[in-house]
Each structure stands twice: as C-alpha cells, then as structure tokens.
Amino acid sequence: MSKGKGKAVKKKTASTDKKQFHYKLVMSGTCAVCKTPCARGMDYLERMSEPGAVGKGVPCILTRTWG
C-alpha cells in the first residue's frame, strides 16, 4: 500500500497559542470615579455599597490588553 495518497491532516491550533484578552481587576472605588461607567462596574459598585459586602474586584473592560 502506498502512503502518499490520502486526506491531508490539518494541525489544530493549540489553546495556548491563541491570544486572549487580559483585564485588570478594579475595586468599587475605581468604578465610582470612572469617566466612562459600564454596566458591570455600576452593578459591582451597587453591590459593594451595601453594609458587610465583600468583593475581590471586577474585570474592567477599559483596561483590556492582548496577552
């Protein structure tokens, strides 16, 4: 049998080779003074304004970079 004929196999792109966006995490204080407020930031600010709320920040779409 000859191995020269057949379907060409395409290589799959590894998931580590794809570029992804990276966002900085910002706290509610940053969202409060933001010049261009977004829905995600305003929702986070509202949740953090309640007494006893604990948060670790929210990804800011204005700080998006390629990684």
N, C-alpha and C. Protein backbone atom coordinates (compact mmCIF):
# COMPACT_ATOMS: atom_id res chain seq x y z
N MET A 1 0.83 -1.18 0.00
CA MET A 1 0.00 0.00 0.00
C MET A 1 0.88 1.25 0.00
N SER A 2 0.45 2.23 -0.74
CA SER A 2 1.22 3.47 -0.75
C SER A 2 0.66 4.44 0.28
N LYS A 3 1.55 5.10 0.95
CA LYS A 3 1.13 6.04 1.98
C LYS A 3 1.07 7.47 1.46
N GLY A 4 1.39 7.69 0.24
CA GLY A 4 1.45 9.02 -0.33
C GLY A 4 0.08 9.62 -0.63
N LYS A 5 -0.91 8.79 -0.81
CA LYS A 5 -2.23 9.32 -1.14
C LYS A 5 -3.15 9.22 0.05
N GLY A 6 -3.98 10.18 0.19
CA GLY A 6 -4.93 10.19 1.30
C GLY A 6 -5.29 11.63 1.64
N LYS A 7 -6.08 11.75 2.65
CA LYS A 7 -6.51 13.09 3.05
C LYS A 7 -5.41 13.78 3.85
N ALA A 8 -5.28 15.05 3.60
CA ALA A 8 -4.30 15.84 4.35
C ALA A 8 -4.86 16.12 5.75
N VAL A 9 -4.03 15.97 6.73
CA VAL A 9 -4.45 16.19 8.11
C VAL A 9 -4.03 17.60 8.50
N LYS A 10 -5.01 18.39 8.93
CA LYS A 10 -4.71 19.75 9.36
C LYS A 10 -4.36 19.75 10.83
N LYS A 11 -3.37 20.55 11.17
CA LYS A 11 -2.99 20.66 12.57
C LYS A 11 -3.98 21.57 13.28
N LYS A 12 -4.36 21.17 14.47
CA LYS A 12 -5.23 22.01 15.27
C LYS A 12 -4.38 23.02 16.02
N THR A 13 -4.92 24.21 16.16
CA THR A 13 -4.20 25.24 16.91
C THR A 13 -4.32 24.92 18.39
N ALA A 14 -3.20 24.88 19.06
CA ALA A 14 -3.21 24.61 20.49
C ALA A 14 -3.85 25.79 21.22
N SER A 15 -4.55 25.49 22.29
CA SER A 15 -5.24 26.55 23.02
C SER A 15 -4.26 27.55 23.62
N THR A 16 -3.02 27.15 23.84
CA THR A 16 -2.03 28.07 24.41
C THR A 16 -1.49 29.02 23.36
N ASP A 17 -1.68 28.71 22.08
CA ASP A 17 -1.18 29.58 21.02
C ASP A 17 -2.14 30.73 20.71
N LYS A 18 -3.40 30.60 21.13
CA LYS A 18 -4.37 31.64 20.85
C LYS A 18 -4.16 32.83 21.78
N LYS A 19 -4.31 34.02 21.23
CA LYS A 19 -4.20 35.22 22.06
C LYS A 19 -5.52 35.46 22.77
N GLN A 20 -5.44 35.90 24.01
CA GLN A 20 -6.63 36.18 24.78
C GLN A 20 -6.52 37.58 25.37
N PHE A 21 -7.68 38.15 25.65
CA PHE A 21 -7.70 39.43 26.32
C PHE A 21 -7.40 39.25 27.79
N HIS A 22 -6.73 40.23 28.36
CA HIS A 22 -6.48 40.26 29.80
C HIS A 22 -7.08 41.55 30.34
N TYR A 23 -7.76 41.46 31.44
CA TYR A 23 -8.41 42.60 32.07
C TYR A 23 -7.81 42.81 33.45
N LYS A 24 -7.64 44.06 33.86
CA LYS A 24 -7.22 44.35 35.22
C LYS A 24 -8.43 44.31 36.14
N LEU A 25 -8.24 43.81 37.34
CA LEU A 25 -9.32 43.81 38.33
C LEU A 25 -9.32 45.16 39.03
N VAL A 26 -10.47 45.79 39.10
CA VAL A 26 -10.59 47.09 39.76
C VAL A 26 -11.59 46.98 40.89
N MET A 27 -11.41 47.80 41.89
CA MET A 27 -12.30 47.80 43.05
C MET A 27 -13.41 48.82 42.83
N SER A 28 -14.35 48.84 43.76
CA SER A 28 -15.53 49.70 43.62
C SER A 28 -15.15 51.18 43.65
N GLY A 29 -14.08 51.53 44.33
CA GLY A 29 -13.64 52.93 44.36
C GLY A 29 -13.24 53.42 42.99
N THR A 30 -12.62 52.56 42.20
CA THR A 30 -12.23 52.91 40.83
C THR A 30 -13.46 53.07 39.96
N CYS A 31 -14.44 52.20 40.15
CA CYS A 31 -15.69 52.29 39.37
C CYS A 31 -16.46 53.56 39.72
N ALA A 32 -16.36 54.00 40.96
CA ALA A 32 -17.09 55.19 41.40
C ALA A 32 -16.59 56.45 40.71
N VAL A 33 -15.31 56.54 40.40
CA VAL A 33 -14.75 57.75 39.79
C VAL A 33 -14.48 57.60 38.30
N CYS A 34 -14.94 56.49 37.72
CA CYS A 34 -14.70 56.23 36.30
C CYS A 34 -15.43 57.24 35.43
N LYS A 35 -14.74 57.73 34.38
CA LYS A 35 -15.33 58.72 33.48
C LYS A 35 -16.30 58.07 32.48
N THR A 36 -16.10 56.79 32.19
CA THR A 36 -16.98 56.07 31.27
C THR A 36 -17.52 54.83 31.97
N PRO A 37 -18.56 54.99 32.80
CA PRO A 37 -19.06 53.84 33.57
C PRO A 37 -19.71 52.78 32.68
N CYS A 38 -19.48 51.53 33.06
CA CYS A 38 -20.08 50.41 32.33
C CYS A 38 -21.10 49.72 33.23
N ALA A 39 -21.93 48.89 32.65
CA ALA A 39 -22.98 48.21 33.40
C ALA A 39 -22.40 47.27 34.45
N ARG A 40 -21.32 46.55 34.10
CA ARG A 40 -20.72 45.62 35.04
C ARG A 40 -20.14 46.37 36.24
N GLY A 41 -19.48 47.48 35.99
CA GLY A 41 -18.90 48.27 37.07
C GLY A 41 -19.94 48.91 37.97
N MET A 42 -21.01 49.40 37.38
CA MET A 42 -22.06 50.03 38.18
C MET A 42 -22.81 49.00 39.02
N ASP A 43 -22.99 47.80 38.49
CA ASP A 43 -23.62 46.72 39.25
C ASP A 43 -22.73 46.34 40.44
N TYR A 44 -21.44 46.25 40.20
CA TYR A 44 -20.50 45.92 41.27
C TYR A 44 -20.46 47.02 42.33
N LEU A 45 -20.47 48.26 41.90
CA LEU A 45 -20.47 49.40 42.83
C LEU A 45 -21.72 49.37 43.71
N GLU A 46 -22.86 49.05 43.11
CA GLU A 46 -24.11 48.98 43.87
C GLU A 46 -24.06 47.85 44.91
N ARG A 47 -23.52 46.69 44.53
CA ARG A 47 -23.42 45.57 45.47
C ARG A 47 -22.46 45.87 46.61
N MET A 48 -21.37 46.56 46.33
CA MET A 48 -20.36 46.85 47.35
C MET A 48 -20.78 48.00 48.27
N SER A 49 -21.80 48.77 47.90
CA SER A 49 -22.25 49.88 48.73
C SER A 49 -23.10 49.40 49.91
N GLU A 50 -23.55 48.14 49.87
CA GLU A 50 -24.33 47.59 50.98
C GLU A 50 -23.41 47.25 52.15
N PRO A 51 -23.87 47.42 53.39
CA PRO A 51 -23.04 47.12 54.55
C PRO A 51 -22.67 45.63 54.62
N GLY A 52 -21.41 45.36 54.92
CA GLY A 52 -20.94 43.99 55.07
C GLY A 52 -20.60 43.28 53.77
N ALA A 53 -20.64 43.98 52.65
CA ALA A 53 -20.34 43.35 51.36
C ALA A 53 -18.84 43.11 51.23
N VAL A 54 -18.50 41.95 50.69
CA VAL A 54 -17.10 41.59 50.47
C VAL A 54 -16.93 41.32 48.98
N GLY A 55 -15.94 41.95 48.39
CA GLY A 55 -15.69 41.76 46.97
C GLY A 55 -14.22 41.71 46.67
N LYS A 56 -13.88 41.10 45.55
CA LYS A 56 -12.49 40.97 45.14
C LYS A 56 -12.19 41.75 43.88
N GLY A 57 -13.10 42.58 43.46
CA GLY A 57 -12.90 43.38 42.26
C GLY A 57 -13.70 42.85 41.09
N VAL A 58 -13.69 43.60 40.03
CA VAL A 58 -14.42 43.25 38.82
C VAL A 58 -13.50 43.53 37.62
N PRO A 59 -13.49 42.67 36.59
CA PRO A 59 -12.66 42.93 35.41
C PRO A 59 -13.13 44.20 34.69
N CYS A 60 -12.21 45.11 34.45
CA CYS A 60 -12.55 46.38 33.81
C CYS A 60 -12.31 46.28 32.31
N ILE A 61 -13.35 46.53 31.51
CA ILE A 61 -13.22 46.42 30.06
C ILE A 61 -12.38 47.55 29.47
N LEU A 62 -12.17 48.60 30.21
CA LEU A 62 -11.35 49.71 29.72
C LEU A 62 -9.85 49.42 29.83
N THR A 63 -9.48 48.39 30.57
CA THR A 63 -8.08 48.04 30.75
C THR A 63 -7.74 46.78 29.96
N ARG A 64 -8.48 46.48 28.90
CA ARG A 64 -8.28 45.27 28.10
C ARG A 64 -6.98 45.35 27.31
N THR A 65 -6.18 44.29 27.39
CA THR A 65 -4.93 44.18 26.63
C THR A 65 -4.83 42.78 26.05
N TRP A 66 -4.05 42.64 24.99
CA TRP A 66 -3.80 41.32 24.43
C TRP A 66 -2.73 40.65 25.25
N GLY A 67 -2.89 39.37 25.49
CA GLY A 67 -1.92 38.64 26.31
C GLY A 67 -1.17 37.61 25.57
